Each structure stands twice: as C-alpha cells, then as structure tokens.
Amino acid sequence: MTKVTRVTYRIVEDDKRENSTLLATCAVVLDDVFMLHDIRIMDGANGAYVAMPKRVDYSNKQHRPPYSESQKSTRDVYHPVDRDFHLYLTQTIIDGYFLCKQENREEYFPLKSGN
C-alpha cells in the first residue's frame, strides 16, 4: 500500500480562527514521490475531519457568468478510492495535525520512529 511519508501543515492559530471551522491546511507526500496540496483539516460537530480540495463544476454550460448557486456543484480534485487507504490517509493527517499543534511544529513524518 502507498504510504504517507511527510505531511506539512499550515496551522490556523486559535485566536485568528474567529467563526471559521478551518483548523489547518496541509500538503501530503506519498512514498517520497508524489505530493498532494491544499488538503484542509476542518473542525466538525464530531471532531476534526479531512476535506480534499474541490473544484466547481457548472451544471449548465450554456449559462455565462455570473452563475447562480443552483448552476454549480463541487467535486473533489483528487480523493482516495480505496476505503482502507482513505481511513489510513485521514487518520495520519489528523494524528499529525494534533501532534504538530501540541509540539508547535509544521512537519510530521509518520514512518519515522519517535516522531
């Protein structure tokens, strides 16, 4: 299975969050060869969760801007297709977020012992 080898976080400080549910954004390196940018860690009703980057799709290509809310939808730019990898990826990102926040650092290396 593909492994997460590094996660770099941009943590939003608590006093700067105001009414936002954004806890941090991060970039994830897979197997030291592929990087995923702009993954968000959000504060939800049931705790922290991971949100993949999205792009806007327009349901009716005949319309011209400005588009109404009913004419657009969003899709993940990329996302895991395997359930086990999805659970592994999201748990690794969330675990790293809390560790980095606690230790006041920006990078997490999940495969290194004593992280």
C-alpha atoms as a PDB file:
ATOM      1  CA  MET A   1       0.000   0.000   0.000  1.00  0.00           C
ATOM      2  CA  THR A   2       1.064   3.565  -0.640  1.00  0.00           C
ATOM      3  CA  LYS A   3       2.479   5.238   2.479  1.00  0.00           C
ATOM      4  CA  VAL A   4       2.368   8.814   3.722  1.00  0.00           C
ATOM      5  CA  THR A   5       5.989   9.840   4.200  1.00  0.00           C
ATOM      6  CA  ARG A   6       5.595  13.522   5.155  1.00  0.00           C
ATOM      7  CA  VAL A   7       2.836  15.981   5.998  1.00  0.00           C
ATOM      8  CA  THR A   8       3.484  19.734   6.153  1.00  0.00           C
ATOM      9  CA  TYR A   9       0.891  21.842   7.982  1.00  0.00           C
ATOM     10  CA  ARG A  10      -0.146  25.490   7.953  1.00  0.00           C
ATOM     11  CA  ILE A  11      -2.000  25.643  11.255  1.00  0.00           C
ATOM     12  CA  VAL A  12      -4.521  28.436  11.822  1.00  0.00           C
ATOM     13  CA  GLU A  13      -3.949  29.924  15.266  1.00  0.00           C
ATOM     14  CA  ASP A  14      -6.968  29.678  17.567  1.00  0.00           C
ATOM     15  CA  ASP A  15      -7.172  33.445  18.104  1.00  0.00           C
ATOM     16  CA  LYS A  16      -7.255  34.038  14.316  1.00  0.00           C
ATOM     17  CA  ARG A  17      -9.986  31.488  13.504  1.00  0.00           C
ATOM     18  CA  GLU A  18     -12.937  33.722  14.503  1.00  0.00           C
ATOM     19  CA  ASN A  19     -16.016  31.842  13.191  1.00  0.00           C
ATOM     20  CA  SER A  20     -14.101  29.631  10.758  1.00  0.00           C
ATOM     21  CA  THR A  21     -14.058  25.850  11.103  1.00  0.00           C
ATOM     22  CA  LEU A  22     -10.684  25.651   9.308  1.00  0.00           C
ATOM     23  CA  LEU A  23      -8.038  24.232  11.650  1.00  0.00           C
ATOM     24  CA  ALA A  24      -5.197  23.900   9.120  1.00  0.00           C
ATOM     25  CA  THR A  25      -4.231  23.161   5.556  1.00  0.00           C
ATOM     26  CA  CYS A  26      -1.587  20.640   4.645  1.00  0.00           C
ATOM     27  CA  ALA A  27       0.471  19.076   1.880  1.00  0.00           C
ATOM     28  CA  VAL A  28       0.950  15.304   1.926  1.00  0.00           C
ATOM     29  CA  VAL A  29       3.871  13.430   0.336  1.00  0.00           C
ATOM     30  CA  LEU A  30       3.180   9.837  -0.718  1.00  0.00           C
ATOM     31  CA  ASP A  31       6.073   7.347  -0.948  1.00  0.00           C
ATOM     32  CA  ASP A  32       8.526  10.291  -1.186  1.00  0.00           C
ATOM     33  CA  VAL A  33       7.492  10.772  -4.831  1.00  0.00           C
ATOM     34  CA  PHE A  34       4.039  12.401  -5.078  1.00  0.00           C
ATOM     35  CA  MET A  35       2.632  15.489  -3.315  1.00  0.00           C
ATOM     36  CA  LEU A  36      -0.984  16.441  -2.664  1.00  0.00           C
ATOM     37  CA  HIS A  37      -1.569  20.132  -1.852  1.00  0.00           C
ATOM     38  CA  ASP A  38      -4.345  22.149  -0.216  1.00  0.00           C
ATOM     39  CA  ILE A  39      -5.905  19.436   1.933  1.00  0.00           C
ATOM     40  CA  ARG A  40      -7.924  21.037   4.727  1.00  0.00           C
ATOM     41  CA  ILE A  41      -8.374  19.891   8.317  1.00  0.00           C
ATOM     42  CA  MET A  42     -11.766  21.115   9.498  1.00  0.00           C
ATOM     43  CA  ASP A  43     -13.471  21.311  12.901  1.00  0.00           C
ATOM     44  CA  GLY A  44     -16.785  19.473  12.641  1.00  0.00           C
ATOM     45  CA  ALA A  45     -19.585  18.565  15.017  1.00  0.00           C
ATOM     46  CA  ASN A  46     -17.932  15.179  15.659  1.00  0.00           C
ATOM     47  CA  GLY A  47     -14.336  16.441  15.803  1.00  0.00           C
ATOM     48  CA  ALA A  48     -11.651  17.091  13.227  1.00  0.00           C
ATOM     49  CA  TYR A  49     -12.065  15.769   9.693  1.00  0.00           C
ATOM     50  CA  VAL A  50     -10.170  15.970   6.402  1.00  0.00           C
ATOM     51  CA  ALA A  51     -11.557  17.781   3.344  1.00  0.00           C
ATOM     52  CA  MET A  52      -9.960  17.310  -0.070  1.00  0.00           C
ATOM     53  CA  PRO A  53      -9.531  20.245  -2.467  1.00  0.00           C
ATOM     54  CA  LYS A  54     -12.581  20.903  -4.602  1.00  0.00           C
ATOM     55  CA  ARG A  55     -13.281  22.388  -7.979  1.00  0.00           C
ATOM     56  CA  VAL A  56     -16.507  23.979  -9.109  1.00  0.00           C
ATOM     57  CA  ASP A  57     -18.477  22.321 -11.902  1.00  0.00           C
ATOM     58  CA  TYR A  58     -21.310  24.085 -13.665  1.00  0.00           C
ATOM     59  CA  SER A  59     -24.378  22.021 -14.454  1.00  0.00           C
ATOM     60  CA  ASN A  60     -25.444  24.048 -17.480  1.00  0.00           C
ATOM     61  CA  LYS A  61     -22.595  25.044 -19.797  1.00  0.00           C
ATOM     62  CA  GLN A  62     -24.915  27.375 -21.766  1.00  0.00           C
ATOM     63  CA  HIS A  63     -25.057  29.902 -18.948  1.00  0.00           C
ATOM     64  CA  ARG A  64     -22.444  32.607 -18.737  1.00  0.00           C
ATOM     65  CA  PRO A  65     -21.062  34.129 -15.522  1.00  0.00           C
ATOM     66  CA  PRO A  66     -22.184  35.113 -13.016  1.00  0.00           C
ATOM     67  CA  TYR A  67     -23.561  31.676 -12.149  1.00  0.00           C
ATOM     68  CA  SER A  68     -26.296  31.106  -9.618  1.00  0.00           C
ATOM     69  CA  GLU A  69     -25.809  28.646  -6.761  1.00  0.00           C
ATOM     70  CA  SER A  70     -28.206  26.185  -8.442  1.00  0.00           C
ATOM     71  CA  GLN A  71     -25.989  26.060 -11.546  1.00  0.00           C
ATOM     72  CA  LYS A  72     -22.843  24.929  -9.792  1.00  0.00           C
ATOM     73  CA  SER A  73     -21.662  21.909  -7.842  1.00  0.00           C
ATOM     74  CA  THR A  74     -18.310  20.870  -6.424  1.00  0.00           C
ATOM     75  CA  ARG A  75     -16.161  17.793  -6.969  1.00  0.00           C
ATOM     76  CA  ASP A  76     -13.009  16.651  -5.212  1.00  0.00           C
ATOM     77  CA  VAL A  77      -9.909  17.348  -7.292  1.00  0.00           C
ATOM     78  CA  TYR A  78      -8.454  14.075  -6.007  1.00  0.00           C
ATOM     79  CA  HIS A  79      -9.542  11.534  -3.421  1.00  0.00           C
ATOM     80  CA  PRO A  80      -8.741   8.015  -2.225  1.00  0.00           C
ATOM     81  CA  VAL A  81     -10.740   5.304  -3.976  1.00  0.00           C
ATOM     82  CA  ASP A  82      -9.827   2.515  -1.559  1.00  0.00           C
ATOM     83  CA  ARG A  83     -11.594   2.540   1.832  1.00  0.00           C
ATOM     84  CA  ASP A  84      -8.582   1.246   3.781  1.00  0.00           C
ATOM     85  CA  PHE A  85      -6.296   3.861   2.239  1.00  0.00           C
ATOM     86  CA  HIS A  86      -8.884   6.583   2.876  1.00  0.00           C
ATOM     87  CA  LEU A  87      -9.004   5.670   6.580  1.00  0.00           C
ATOM     88  CA  TYR A  88      -5.201   5.457   6.767  1.00  0.00           C
ATOM     89  CA  LEU A  89      -4.695   8.808   4.999  1.00  0.00           C
ATOM     90  CA  THR A  90      -7.246  10.747   7.009  1.00  0.00           C
ATOM     91  CA  GLN A  91      -6.131   9.288  10.348  1.00  0.00           C
ATOM     92  CA  THR A  92      -2.473  10.024   9.546  1.00  0.00           C
ATOM     93  CA  ILE A  93      -3.310  13.634   8.630  1.00  0.00           C
ATOM     94  CA  ILE A  94      -5.403  14.177  11.781  1.00  0.00           C
ATOM     95  CA  ASP A  95      -2.891  12.474  14.107  1.00  0.00           C
ATOM     96  CA  GLY A  96      -0.097  14.595  12.630  1.00  0.00           C
ATOM     97  CA  TYR A  97      -2.143  17.770  12.991  1.00  0.00           C
ATOM     98  CA  PHE A  98      -2.680  17.275  16.726  1.00  0.00           C
ATOM     99  CA  LEU A  99       0.956  16.275  17.290  1.00  0.00           C
ATOM    100  CA  CYS A 100       2.299  19.277  15.364  1.00  0.00           C
ATOM    101  CA  LYS A 101      -0.115  21.655  17.102  1.00  0.00           C
ATOM    102  CA  GLN A 102       0.905  20.321  20.517  1.00  0.00           C
ATOM    103  CA  GLU A 103       4.637  20.478  19.732  1.00  0.00           C
ATOM    104  CA  ASN A 104       4.413  23.765  17.805  1.00  0.00           C
ATOM    105  CA  ARG A 105       5.926  22.424  14.593  1.00  0.00           C
ATOM    106  CA  GLU A 106       4.965  22.242  10.922  1.00  0.00           C
ATOM    107  CA  GLU A 107       6.112  18.823   9.668  1.00  0.00           C
ATOM    108  CA  TYR A 108       5.109  15.282  10.527  1.00  0.00           C
ATOM    109  CA  PHE A 109       6.984  12.168   9.372  1.00  0.00           C
ATOM    110  CA  PRO A 110       4.664   9.248  10.180  1.00  0.00           C
ATOM    111  CA  LEU A 111       7.109   6.476   9.187  1.00  0.00           C
ATOM    112  CA  LYS A 112       9.947   7.667  11.455  1.00  0.00           C
ATOM    113  CA  SER A 113      10.053   6.287  14.962  1.00  0.00           C
ATOM    114  CA  GLY A 114       9.913   8.764  17.828  1.00  0.00           C
ATOM    115  CA  ASN A 115       8.295  11.322  15.565  1.00  0.00           C
END
